[in-house]
Amino acid sequence: MPVSAPVDGRRLRREQNRETVIDALVELFHEGVYQPNSAEIAERAGISPRSLFRYFDDIDDLNRAAVERHLSTNRALFEIEVDPDAPTTVKVEQFVEARVRLHEAVAPAARAARLAAHRHDVLGAQLLETRTFMRAQVLRTFARELEGDRAALLPAVDELCSFEAYEFMRTGHGMSAAKAKTTLIAALIQLLRGKR
């Protein structure tokens, strides 16, 4: 029994230090630093750069852990409850409202994930899984509007509801969240108006 106490203490310290490093990287994401180097992360975490890799295999492993943490913190926002039998306009408004809340909450981690995904297979797979889930959500919500020959509209509707489209409106066009939301609602209603 006396031997296990120090081991448990070491394990606890290791886990706390690991969480501190993840916290540091998430803070940097929130400040707009999406690809910090190991020295910047270590300085923010209050440890030496060499110590950083006691807790993570490499910088990509750390990025993956930070993105996962940020997304899991906002997991509930991924669920959208919209009545598929509601009028199209109501569905669009509720769906866009929910997506805007999600996109605003996950933006720092989403930006970092997209920058790192090309060199980290696990992160790339995670992004693909998320995109697949969100596309299925679009199809479930707007099944009535996307019946028959209108099924060809799915890629356009999916793209309008994506983080990438929202991010471009916010950063590329300098829109506020409210303006981006209004624009998305108008565009989706226009696209889906063939069936109400």
N, C-alpha and C. Protein backbone atom coordinates (compact mmCIF):
# COMPACT_ATOMS: atom_id res chain seq x y z
N MET A 1 0.82 -1.21 0.00
CA MET A 1 0.00 0.00 0.00
C MET A 1 0.85 1.27 0.00
N PRO A 2 1.93 1.37 0.80
CA PRO A 2 2.74 2.57 0.78
C PRO A 2 3.33 2.85 -0.60
N VAL A 3 3.60 1.80 -1.40
CA VAL A 3 4.20 1.99 -2.73
C VAL A 3 3.21 2.63 -3.70
N SER A 4 1.90 2.29 -3.61
CA SER A 4 0.93 2.80 -4.57
C SER A 4 0.63 4.27 -4.39
N ALA A 5 0.78 4.81 -3.18
CA ALA A 5 0.47 6.23 -2.95
C ALA A 5 1.33 7.16 -3.81
N PRO A 6 2.68 7.00 -3.83
CA PRO A 6 3.49 7.88 -4.68
C PRO A 6 3.17 7.70 -6.16
N VAL A 7 2.90 6.44 -6.59
CA VAL A 7 2.57 6.20 -7.99
C VAL A 7 1.28 6.92 -8.35
N ASP A 8 0.27 6.81 -7.49
CA ASP A 8 -0.99 7.50 -7.73
C ASP A 8 -0.78 9.01 -7.75
N GLY A 9 0.06 9.51 -6.85
CA GLY A 9 0.37 10.94 -6.81
C GLY A 9 1.05 11.39 -8.09
N ARG A 10 1.98 10.58 -8.57
CA ARG A 10 2.68 10.90 -9.82
C ARG A 10 1.71 10.89 -11.00
N ARG A 11 0.85 9.89 -11.01
CA ARG A 11 -0.14 9.78 -12.09
C ARG A 11 -1.08 10.99 -12.07
N LEU A 12 -1.50 11.37 -10.87
CA LEU A 12 -2.38 12.53 -10.74
C LEU A 12 -1.69 13.80 -11.22
N ARG A 13 -0.43 14.00 -10.79
CA ARG A 13 0.33 15.18 -11.24
C ARG A 13 0.50 15.19 -12.75
N ARG A 14 0.79 14.01 -13.30
CA ARG A 14 0.97 13.91 -14.75
C ARG A 14 -0.32 14.31 -15.47
N GLU A 15 -1.46 13.80 -14.98
CA GLU A 15 -2.75 14.13 -15.60
C GLU A 15 -3.07 15.62 -15.45
N GLN A 16 -2.77 16.18 -14.28
CA GLN A 16 -3.01 17.61 -14.07
C GLN A 16 -2.14 18.45 -15.01
N ASN A 17 -0.87 18.06 -15.14
CA ASN A 17 0.03 18.79 -16.04
C ASN A 17 -0.42 18.67 -17.49
N ARG A 18 -0.89 17.48 -17.86
CA ARG A 18 -1.39 17.27 -19.22
C ARG A 18 -2.59 18.18 -19.48
N GLU A 19 -3.51 18.25 -18.52
CA GLU A 19 -4.68 19.11 -18.66
C GLU A 19 -4.28 20.59 -18.72
N THR A 20 -3.26 20.97 -17.96
CA THR A 20 -2.78 22.36 -17.98
C THR A 20 -2.24 22.72 -19.36
N VAL A 21 -1.54 21.78 -19.99
CA VAL A 21 -1.01 22.02 -21.33
C VAL A 21 -2.16 22.16 -22.33
N ILE A 22 -3.16 21.30 -22.23
CA ILE A 22 -4.32 21.40 -23.13
C ILE A 22 -5.03 22.73 -22.91
N ASP A 23 -5.21 23.12 -21.64
CA ASP A 23 -5.83 24.42 -21.33
C ASP A 23 -5.07 25.56 -21.99
N ALA A 24 -3.74 25.48 -21.92
CA ALA A 24 -2.89 26.53 -22.50
C ALA A 24 -3.11 26.63 -24.01
N LEU A 25 -3.18 25.49 -24.68
CA LEU A 25 -3.38 25.52 -26.13
C LEU A 25 -4.77 26.01 -26.49
N VAL A 26 -5.79 25.60 -25.75
CA VAL A 26 -7.15 26.08 -26.01
C VAL A 26 -7.21 27.60 -25.81
N GLU A 27 -6.54 28.11 -24.79
CA GLU A 27 -6.48 29.57 -24.59
C GLU A 27 -5.86 30.26 -25.80
N LEU A 28 -4.78 29.68 -26.32
CA LEU A 28 -4.13 30.26 -27.50
C LEU A 28 -5.07 30.24 -28.70
N PHE A 29 -5.83 29.15 -28.88
CA PHE A 29 -6.82 29.10 -29.95
C PHE A 29 -7.80 30.27 -29.81
N HIS A 30 -8.27 30.49 -28.59
CA HIS A 30 -9.24 31.57 -28.34
C HIS A 30 -8.66 32.94 -28.62
N GLU A 31 -7.34 33.06 -28.55
CA GLU A 31 -6.68 34.33 -28.83
C GLU A 31 -6.31 34.47 -30.30
N GLY A 32 -6.68 33.47 -31.11
CA GLY A 32 -6.40 33.54 -32.53
C GLY A 32 -5.05 32.97 -32.93
N VAL A 33 -4.39 32.28 -32.02
CA VAL A 33 -3.10 31.63 -32.33
C VAL A 33 -3.42 30.16 -32.58
N TYR A 34 -3.54 29.77 -33.86
CA TYR A 34 -4.01 28.43 -34.20
C TYR A 34 -2.89 27.42 -34.44
N GLN A 35 -1.67 27.91 -34.65
CA GLN A 35 -0.54 27.00 -34.86
C GLN A 35 0.66 27.47 -34.04
N PRO A 36 0.49 27.53 -32.72
CA PRO A 36 1.62 27.96 -31.89
C PRO A 36 2.73 26.92 -31.89
N ASN A 37 3.96 27.37 -31.67
CA ASN A 37 5.05 26.40 -31.58
C ASN A 37 5.13 25.88 -30.14
N SER A 38 5.97 24.87 -29.95
CA SER A 38 6.04 24.21 -28.64
C SER A 38 6.51 25.17 -27.55
N ALA A 39 7.37 26.12 -27.89
CA ALA A 39 7.85 27.08 -26.89
C ALA A 39 6.71 27.98 -26.40
N GLU A 40 5.85 28.42 -27.33
CA GLU A 40 4.71 29.28 -26.95
C GLU A 40 3.74 28.52 -26.05
N ILE A 41 3.47 27.26 -26.40
CA ILE A 41 2.54 26.46 -25.60
C ILE A 41 3.12 26.21 -24.21
N ALA A 42 4.40 25.83 -24.17
CA ALA A 42 5.05 25.53 -22.89
C ALA A 42 5.08 26.76 -22.00
N GLU A 43 5.39 27.91 -22.60
CA GLU A 43 5.42 29.15 -21.80
C GLU A 43 4.05 29.45 -21.21
N ARG A 44 3.00 29.29 -22.01
CA ARG A 44 1.64 29.55 -21.52
C ARG A 44 1.28 28.56 -20.42
N ALA A 45 1.75 27.31 -20.53
CA ALA A 45 1.43 26.27 -19.54
C ALA A 45 2.32 26.36 -18.30
N GLY A 46 3.39 27.15 -18.38
CA GLY A 46 4.30 27.29 -17.24
C GLY A 46 5.24 26.11 -17.06
N ILE A 47 5.59 25.47 -18.17
CA ILE A 47 6.54 24.35 -18.11
C ILE A 47 7.63 24.58 -19.15
N SER A 48 8.65 23.75 -19.12
CA SER A 48 9.72 23.87 -20.12
C SER A 48 9.27 23.21 -21.42
N PRO A 49 9.77 23.71 -22.57
CA PRO A 49 9.38 23.09 -23.85
C PRO A 49 9.69 21.59 -23.89
N ARG A 50 10.78 21.18 -23.26
CA ARG A 50 11.14 19.76 -23.25
C ARG A 50 10.10 18.94 -22.49
N SER A 51 9.55 19.53 -21.41
CA SER A 51 8.56 18.83 -20.59
C SER A 51 7.25 18.58 -21.35
N LEU A 52 6.98 19.44 -22.32
CA LEU A 52 5.75 19.34 -23.09
C LEU A 52 5.55 17.93 -23.65
N PHE A 53 6.63 17.33 -24.13
CA PHE A 53 6.53 16.04 -24.80
C PHE A 53 6.64 14.86 -23.85
N ARG A 54 6.56 15.13 -22.55
CA ARG A 54 6.35 14.06 -21.58
C ARG A 54 4.88 13.65 -21.60
N TYR A 55 4.03 14.58 -22.03
CA TYR A 55 2.59 14.37 -21.97
C TYR A 55 1.96 14.08 -23.32
N PHE A 56 2.66 14.43 -24.41
CA PHE A 56 2.12 14.25 -25.76
C PHE A 56 3.22 13.72 -26.68
N ASP A 57 2.82 12.92 -27.66
CA ASP A 57 3.80 12.34 -28.59
C ASP A 57 4.48 13.43 -29.41
N ASP A 58 3.68 14.38 -29.88
CA ASP A 58 4.21 15.47 -30.70
C ASP A 58 3.18 16.60 -30.70
N ILE A 59 3.45 17.65 -31.45
CA ILE A 59 2.57 18.81 -31.45
C ILE A 59 1.20 18.46 -32.05
N ASP A 60 1.18 17.54 -33.03
CA ASP A 60 -0.09 17.12 -33.62
C ASP A 60 -0.96 16.37 -32.62
N ASP A 61 -0.32 15.54 -31.79
CA ASP A 61 -1.04 14.81 -30.74
C ASP A 61 -1.66 15.80 -29.75
N LEU A 62 -0.92 16.83 -29.42
CA LEU A 62 -1.43 17.87 -28.52
C LEU A 62 -2.58 18.63 -29.18
N ASN A 63 -2.43 18.99 -30.45
CA ASN A 63 -3.51 19.67 -31.18
C ASN A 63 -4.78 18.83 -31.18
N ARG A 64 -4.63 17.54 -31.45
CA ARG A 64 -5.79 16.64 -31.47
C ARG A 64 -6.49 16.64 -30.11
N ALA A 65 -5.71 16.54 -29.04
CA ALA A 65 -6.28 16.52 -27.69
C ALA A 65 -7.01 17.83 -27.37
N ALA A 66 -6.43 18.95 -27.79
CA ALA A 66 -7.06 20.25 -27.51
C ALA A 66 -8.34 20.42 -28.31
N VAL A 67 -8.32 20.01 -29.58
CA VAL A 67 -9.53 20.11 -30.41
C VAL A 67 -10.62 19.21 -29.85
N GLU A 68 -10.26 17.98 -29.48
CA GLU A 68 -11.23 17.05 -28.89
C GLU A 68 -11.85 17.63 -27.63
N ARG A 69 -11.01 18.21 -26.78
CA ARG A 69 -11.51 18.80 -25.53
C ARG A 69 -12.51 19.91 -25.83
N HIS A 70 -12.14 20.80 -26.74
CA HIS A 70 -12.99 21.94 -27.06
C HIS A 70 -14.32 21.48 -27.66
N LEU A 71 -14.25 20.50 -28.55
CA LEU A 71 -15.48 20.01 -29.17
C LEU A 71 -16.35 19.27 -28.18
N SER A 72 -15.74 18.48 -27.30
CA SER A 72 -16.54 17.74 -26.31
C SER A 72 -17.20 18.68 -25.32
N THR A 73 -16.55 19.80 -25.03
CA THR A 73 -17.15 20.80 -24.14
C THR A 73 -18.44 21.36 -24.75
N ASN A 74 -18.48 21.40 -26.08
CA ASN A 74 -19.64 21.97 -26.78
C ASN A 74 -20.51 20.90 -27.45
N ARG A 75 -20.34 19.64 -27.04
CA ARG A 75 -21.03 18.51 -27.67
C ARG A 75 -22.54 18.72 -27.76
N ALA A 76 -23.16 19.25 -26.72
CA ALA A 76 -24.63 19.41 -26.72
C ALA A 76 -25.10 20.32 -27.84
N LEU A 77 -24.25 21.26 -28.27
CA LEU A 77 -24.65 22.19 -29.34
C LEU A 77 -24.75 21.52 -30.70
N PHE A 78 -24.18 20.32 -30.83
CA PHE A 78 -24.26 19.60 -32.11
C PHE A 78 -25.66 19.03 -32.34
N GLU A 79 -26.40 18.84 -31.26
CA GLU A 79 -27.75 18.30 -31.40
C GLU A 79 -28.72 19.42 -31.76
N ILE A 80 -29.48 19.19 -32.81
CA ILE A 80 -30.45 20.19 -33.27
C ILE A 80 -31.82 19.54 -33.26
N GLU A 81 -32.74 20.14 -32.54
CA GLU A 81 -34.10 19.61 -32.48
C GLU A 81 -35.05 20.53 -33.23
N VAL A 82 -35.32 20.14 -34.46
CA VAL A 82 -36.24 20.89 -35.31
C VAL A 82 -37.27 19.89 -35.82
N ASP A 83 -38.54 20.24 -35.73
CA ASP A 83 -39.61 19.36 -36.19
C ASP A 83 -39.58 19.30 -37.72
N PRO A 84 -39.29 18.11 -38.29
CA PRO A 84 -39.21 18.01 -39.75
C PRO A 84 -40.53 18.29 -40.47
N ASP A 85 -41.63 18.29 -39.71
CA ASP A 85 -42.94 18.57 -40.30
C ASP A 85 -43.34 20.04 -40.19
N ALA A 86 -42.52 20.85 -39.56
CA ALA A 86 -42.81 22.28 -39.44
C ALA A 86 -42.70 22.94 -40.81
N PRO A 87 -43.29 24.11 -40.97
CA PRO A 87 -43.14 24.84 -42.24
C PRO A 87 -41.65 25.10 -42.53
N THR A 88 -41.31 25.15 -43.80
CA THR A 88 -39.92 25.32 -44.22
C THR A 88 -39.27 26.54 -43.56
N THR A 89 -39.96 27.65 -43.55
CA THR A 89 -39.38 28.88 -42.99
C THR A 89 -39.04 28.70 -41.51
N VAL A 90 -39.92 28.07 -40.77
CA VAL A 90 -39.69 27.83 -39.34
C VAL A 90 -38.48 26.91 -39.16
N LYS A 91 -38.43 25.84 -39.95
CA LYS A 91 -37.31 24.91 -39.85
C LYS A 91 -35.99 25.60 -40.16
N VAL A 92 -35.97 26.37 -41.22
CA VAL A 92 -34.74 27.07 -41.61
C VAL A 92 -34.30 28.00 -40.48
N GLU A 93 -35.20 28.78 -39.94
CA GLU A 93 -34.84 29.73 -38.86
C GLU A 93 -34.28 28.99 -37.65
N GLN A 94 -34.94 27.91 -37.23
CA GLN A 94 -34.49 27.17 -36.05
C GLN A 94 -33.15 26.47 -36.32
N PHE A 95 -33.02 25.90 -37.51
CA PHE A 95 -31.80 25.19 -37.86
C PHE A 95 -30.61 26.15 -37.92
N VAL A 96 -30.79 27.26 -38.58
CA VAL A 96 -29.70 28.24 -38.70
C VAL A 96 -29.34 28.81 -37.33
N GLU A 97 -30.32 29.10 -36.52
CA GLU A 97 -30.06 29.60 -35.17
C GLU A 97 -29.17 28.63 -34.40
N ALA A 98 -29.50 27.33 -34.48
CA ALA A 98 -28.71 26.31 -33.78
C ALA A 98 -27.31 26.20 -34.36
N ARG A 99 -27.20 26.21 -35.69
CA ARG A 99 -25.88 26.10 -36.31
C ARG A 99 -25.00 27.32 -35.99
N VAL A 100 -25.58 28.50 -35.97
CA VAL A 100 -24.80 29.70 -35.65
C VAL A 100 -24.27 29.61 -34.22
N ARG A 101 -25.10 29.16 -33.29
CA ARG A 101 -24.64 28.97 -31.90
C ARG A 101 -23.46 28.00 -31.86
N LEU A 102 -23.60 26.90 -32.59
CA LEU A 102 -22.53 25.89 -32.64
C LEU A 102 -21.27 26.47 -33.26
N HIS A 103 -21.40 27.08 -34.43
CA HIS A 103 -20.22 27.61 -35.13
C HIS A 103 -19.49 28.66 -34.30
N GLU A 104 -20.23 29.51 -33.63
CA GLU A 104 -19.59 30.54 -32.79
C GLU A 104 -18.83 29.89 -31.62
N ALA A 105 -19.43 28.85 -31.04
CA ALA A 105 -18.81 28.21 -29.87
C ALA A 105 -17.55 27.43 -30.23
N VAL A 106 -17.58 26.74 -31.38
CA VAL A 106 -16.45 25.87 -31.72
C VAL A 106 -15.43 26.52 -32.65
N ALA A 107 -15.64 27.76 -33.02
CA ALA A 107 -14.78 28.42 -34.01
C ALA A 107 -13.28 28.29 -33.73
N PRO A 108 -12.81 28.58 -32.52
CA PRO A 108 -11.35 28.48 -32.30
C PRO A 108 -10.79 27.08 -32.58
N ALA A 109 -11.44 26.05 -32.07
CA ALA A 109 -10.96 24.68 -32.29
C ALA A 109 -11.18 24.26 -33.74
N ALA A 110 -12.28 24.69 -34.34
CA ALA A 110 -12.56 24.33 -35.73
C ALA A 110 -11.50 24.90 -36.67
N ARG A 111 -11.09 26.13 -36.42
CA ARG A 111 -10.03 26.73 -37.24
C ARG A 111 -8.73 25.97 -37.09
N ALA A 112 -8.36 25.67 -35.86
CA ALA A 112 -7.12 24.94 -35.60
C ALA A 112 -7.17 23.54 -36.22
N ALA A 113 -8.31 22.87 -36.11
CA ALA A 113 -8.45 21.52 -36.66
C ALA A 113 -8.26 21.53 -38.16
N ARG A 114 -8.82 22.51 -38.83
CA ARG A 114 -8.72 22.57 -40.28
C ARG A 114 -7.28 22.86 -40.72
N LEU A 115 -6.55 23.61 -39.93
CA LEU A 115 -5.15 23.88 -40.27
C LEU A 115 -4.26 22.66 -40.07
N ALA A 116 -4.60 21.82 -39.11
CA ALA A 116 -3.74 20.67 -38.78
C ALA A 116 -4.19 19.35 -39.42
N ALA A 117 -5.42 19.29 -39.94
CA ALA A 117 -5.99 18.02 -40.42
C ALA A 117 -5.17 17.38 -41.53
N HIS A 118 -4.57 18.17 -42.40
CA HIS A 118 -3.84 17.60 -43.54
C HIS A 118 -2.60 16.81 -43.10
N ARG A 119 -2.10 17.07 -41.91
CA ARG A 119 -0.90 16.35 -41.47
C ARG A 119 -1.16 15.41 -40.30
N HIS A 120 -2.41 15.30 -39.90
CA HIS A 120 -2.74 14.43 -38.78
C HIS A 120 -3.97 13.60 -39.15
N ASP A 121 -3.76 12.32 -39.44
CA ASP A 121 -4.82 11.44 -39.94
C ASP A 121 -6.01 11.35 -38.98
N VAL A 122 -5.74 11.28 -37.69
CA VAL A 122 -6.83 11.15 -36.71
C VAL A 122 -7.71 12.39 -36.74
N LEU A 123 -7.09 13.55 -36.81
CA LEU A 123 -7.85 14.80 -36.86
C LEU A 123 -8.63 14.90 -38.18
N GLY A 124 -8.02 14.48 -39.28
CA GLY A 124 -8.70 14.46 -40.57
C GLY A 124 -9.92 13.55 -40.54
N ALA A 125 -9.77 12.39 -39.93
CA ALA A 125 -10.88 11.44 -39.82
C ALA A 125 -11.99 12.00 -38.93
N GLN A 126 -11.59 12.69 -37.88
CA GLN A 126 -12.56 13.31 -36.98
C GLN A 126 -13.38 14.39 -37.70
N LEU A 127 -12.71 15.19 -38.52
CA LEU A 127 -13.40 16.21 -39.30
C LEU A 127 -14.39 15.58 -40.28
N LEU A 128 -13.96 14.52 -40.95
CA LEU A 128 -14.83 13.83 -41.90
C LEU A 128 -16.06 13.26 -41.19
N GLU A 129 -15.86 12.68 -40.03
CA GLU A 129 -16.97 12.13 -39.25
C GLU A 129 -17.95 13.23 -38.85
N THR A 130 -17.43 14.37 -38.43
CA THR A 130 -18.28 15.49 -38.04
C THR A 130 -19.06 16.01 -39.24
N ARG A 131 -18.39 16.16 -40.37
CA ARG A 131 -19.08 16.64 -41.58
C ARG A 131 -20.17 15.68 -42.02
N THR A 132 -19.91 14.38 -41.91
CA THR A 132 -20.90 13.36 -42.28
C THR A 132 -22.12 13.44 -41.36
N PHE A 133 -21.87 13.59 -40.07
CA PHE A 133 -22.96 13.73 -39.09
C PHE A 133 -23.80 14.97 -39.40
N MET A 134 -23.14 16.07 -39.69
CA MET A 134 -23.86 17.33 -39.94
C MET A 134 -24.64 17.29 -41.25
N ARG A 135 -24.10 16.60 -42.25
CA ARG A 135 -24.83 16.44 -43.52
C ARG A 135 -26.09 15.60 -43.30
N ALA A 136 -25.97 14.54 -42.52
CA ALA A 136 -27.13 13.69 -42.22
C ALA A 136 -28.19 14.49 -41.47
N GLN A 137 -27.74 15.39 -40.63
CA GLN A 137 -28.65 16.26 -39.87
C GLN A 137 -29.43 17.17 -40.82
N VAL A 138 -28.74 17.72 -41.80
CA VAL A 138 -29.39 18.56 -42.82
C VAL A 138 -30.44 17.75 -43.57
N LEU A 139 -30.06 16.55 -43.98
CA LEU A 139 -30.96 15.71 -44.76
C LEU A 139 -32.19 15.30 -43.96
N ARG A 140 -31.99 14.97 -42.67
CA ARG A 140 -33.13 14.61 -41.80
C ARG A 140 -34.08 15.79 -41.63
N THR A 141 -33.50 16.95 -41.38
CA THR A 141 -34.33 18.13 -41.11
C THR A 141 -35.11 18.58 -42.34
N PHE A 142 -34.46 18.53 -43.49
CA PHE A 142 -35.08 19.05 -44.71
C PHE A 142 -35.45 17.95 -45.71
N ALA A 143 -35.77 16.76 -45.18
CA ALA A 143 -36.11 15.62 -46.04
C ALA A 143 -37.26 15.94 -46.98
N ARG A 144 -38.27 16.61 -46.46
CA ARG A 144 -39.45 16.94 -47.28
C ARG A 144 -39.07 17.89 -48.42
N GLU A 145 -38.23 18.86 -48.10
CA GLU A 145 -37.83 19.86 -49.10
C GLU A 145 -36.85 19.30 -50.13
N LEU A 146 -36.20 18.17 -49.78
CA LEU A 146 -35.18 17.59 -50.66
C LEU A 146 -35.62 16.27 -51.28
N GLU A 147 -36.94 16.13 -51.46
CA GLU A 147 -37.47 14.91 -52.08
C GLU A 147 -37.29 14.95 -53.59
N GLY A 148 -37.27 13.76 -54.18
CA GLY A 148 -37.27 13.63 -55.64
C GLY A 148 -36.12 14.35 -56.32
N ASP A 149 -36.46 15.10 -57.38
CA ASP A 149 -35.41 15.76 -58.14
C ASP A 149 -34.74 16.90 -57.36
N ARG A 150 -35.36 17.31 -56.26
CA ARG A 150 -34.75 18.37 -55.43
C ARG A 150 -33.64 17.82 -54.53
N ALA A 151 -33.44 16.50 -54.54
CA ALA A 151 -32.34 15.90 -53.78
C ALA A 151 -30.99 16.44 -54.24
N ALA A 152 -30.94 16.90 -55.49
CA ALA A 152 -29.70 17.46 -56.04
C ALA A 152 -29.28 18.74 -55.31
N LEU A 153 -30.20 19.33 -54.54
CA LEU A 153 -29.89 20.55 -53.78
C LEU A 153 -29.12 20.27 -52.49
N LEU A 154 -29.06 19.00 -52.07
CA LEU A 154 -28.42 18.67 -50.79
C LEU A 154 -27.00 19.25 -50.66
N PRO A 155 -26.12 19.09 -51.64
CA PRO A 155 -24.77 19.66 -51.47
C PRO A 155 -24.78 21.17 -51.22
N ALA A 156 -25.67 21.89 -51.89
CA ALA A 156 -25.73 23.34 -51.71
C ALA A 156 -26.27 23.70 -50.32
N VAL A 157 -27.30 22.99 -49.88
CA VAL A 157 -27.87 23.24 -48.55
C VAL A 157 -26.84 22.89 -47.48
N ASP A 158 -26.19 21.74 -47.66
CA ASP A 158 -25.16 21.30 -46.72
C ASP A 158 -24.03 22.32 -46.63
N GLU A 159 -23.59 22.82 -47.77
CA GLU A 159 -22.50 23.81 -47.78
C GLU A 159 -22.92 25.10 -47.08
N LEU A 160 -24.12 25.57 -47.34
CA LEU A 160 -24.58 26.80 -46.68
C LEU A 160 -24.63 26.64 -45.16
N CYS A 161 -24.87 25.42 -44.69
CA CYS A 161 -24.98 25.17 -43.25
C CYS A 161 -23.63 24.80 -42.61
N SER A 162 -22.57 24.76 -43.40
CA SER A 162 -21.27 24.30 -42.91
C SER A 162 -20.51 25.38 -42.14
N PHE A 163 -19.55 24.93 -41.34
CA PHE A 163 -18.69 25.87 -40.63
C PHE A 163 -17.90 26.71 -41.62
N GLU A 164 -17.43 26.09 -42.70
CA GLU A 164 -16.61 26.79 -43.67
C GLU A 164 -17.35 27.97 -44.30
N ALA A 165 -18.62 27.76 -44.67
CA ALA A 165 -19.41 28.85 -45.25
C ALA A 165 -19.63 29.96 -44.22
N TYR A 166 -19.95 29.54 -43.01
CA TYR A 166 -20.18 30.53 -41.94
C TYR A 166 -18.91 31.31 -41.65
N GLU A 167 -17.79 30.61 -41.58
CA GLU A 167 -16.50 31.25 -41.30
C GLU A 167 -16.15 32.26 -42.39
N PHE A 168 -16.43 31.91 -43.65
CA PHE A 168 -16.13 32.83 -44.75
C PHE A 168 -17.00 34.08 -44.65
N MET A 169 -18.24 33.92 -44.27
CA MET A 169 -19.11 35.09 -44.11
C MET A 169 -18.61 35.99 -42.99
N ARG A 170 -18.17 35.36 -41.88
CA ARG A 170 -17.72 36.13 -40.71
C ARG A 170 -16.38 36.80 -40.96
N THR A 171 -15.43 36.07 -41.56
CA THR A 171 -14.08 36.63 -41.73
C THR A 171 -13.86 37.19 -43.13
N GLY A 172 -14.29 36.47 -44.15
CA GLY A 172 -14.07 36.94 -45.52
C GLY A 172 -14.92 38.14 -45.89
N HIS A 173 -16.15 38.16 -45.39
CA HIS A 173 -17.06 39.27 -45.70
C HIS A 173 -17.23 40.23 -44.52
N GLY A 174 -16.62 39.91 -43.40
CA GLY A 174 -16.68 40.79 -42.23
C GLY A 174 -18.07 40.94 -41.64
N MET A 175 -18.91 39.93 -41.80
CA MET A 175 -20.27 40.02 -41.27
C MET A 175 -20.29 39.75 -39.77
N SER A 176 -21.21 40.37 -39.09
CA SER A 176 -21.46 40.03 -37.68
C SER A 176 -22.18 38.69 -37.65
N ALA A 177 -22.25 38.09 -36.48
CA ALA A 177 -22.97 36.82 -36.35
C ALA A 177 -24.44 37.01 -36.73
N ALA A 178 -25.03 38.12 -36.32
CA ALA A 178 -26.44 38.39 -36.62
C ALA A 178 -26.66 38.54 -38.12
N LYS A 179 -25.77 39.25 -38.80
CA LYS A 179 -25.90 39.45 -40.25
C LYS A 179 -25.69 38.13 -40.99
N ALA A 180 -24.71 37.34 -40.56
CA ALA A 180 -24.47 36.03 -41.19
C ALA A 180 -25.71 35.15 -41.03
N LYS A 181 -26.30 35.18 -39.85
CA LYS A 181 -27.49 34.37 -39.59
C LYS A 181 -28.64 34.80 -40.51
N THR A 182 -28.88 36.10 -40.62
CA THR A 182 -29.94 36.61 -41.49
C THR A 182 -29.70 36.22 -42.94
N THR A 183 -28.45 36.31 -43.37
CA THR A 183 -28.09 35.97 -44.75
C THR A 183 -28.31 34.49 -45.02
N LEU A 184 -27.89 33.64 -44.08
CA LEU A 184 -28.08 32.19 -44.24
C LEU A 184 -29.56 31.83 -44.29
N ILE A 185 -30.35 32.42 -43.43
CA ILE A 185 -31.79 32.14 -43.42
C ILE A 185 -32.40 32.52 -44.77
N ALA A 186 -32.09 33.71 -45.27
CA ALA A 186 -32.64 34.17 -46.55
C ALA A 186 -32.21 33.24 -47.70
N ALA A 187 -30.94 32.85 -47.71
CA ALA A 187 -30.43 32.00 -48.78
C ALA A 187 -31.08 30.62 -48.75
N LEU A 188 -31.20 30.04 -47.58
CA LEU A 188 -31.80 28.71 -47.46
C LEU A 188 -33.28 28.72 -47.81
N ILE A 189 -34.00 29.74 -47.37
CA ILE A 189 -35.42 29.83 -47.70
C ILE A 189 -35.58 29.96 -49.22
N GLN A 190 -34.74 30.77 -49.84
CA GLN A 190 -34.78 30.94 -51.29
C GLN A 190 -34.51 29.61 -51.99
N LEU A 191 -33.53 28.88 -51.50
CA LEU A 191 -33.14 27.61 -52.12
C LEU A 191 -34.21 26.53 -51.94
N LEU A 192 -34.84 26.53 -50.77
CA LEU A 192 -35.78 25.46 -50.43
C LEU A 192 -37.25 25.84 -50.67
N ARG A 193 -37.49 27.03 -51.16
CA ARG A 193 -38.87 27.53 -51.22
C ARG A 193 -39.80 26.76 -52.15
N GLY A 194 -39.25 25.89 -52.98
CA GLY A 194 -40.09 25.11 -53.89
C GLY A 194 -41.09 24.23 -53.16
N LYS A 195 -40.78 23.88 -51.88
CA LYS A 195 -41.72 23.08 -51.09
C LYS A 195 -41.80 23.70 -49.71
N ARG A 196 -42.97 24.03 -49.27
CA ARG A 196 -43.13 24.67 -47.96
C ARG A 196 -44.05 23.85 -47.10
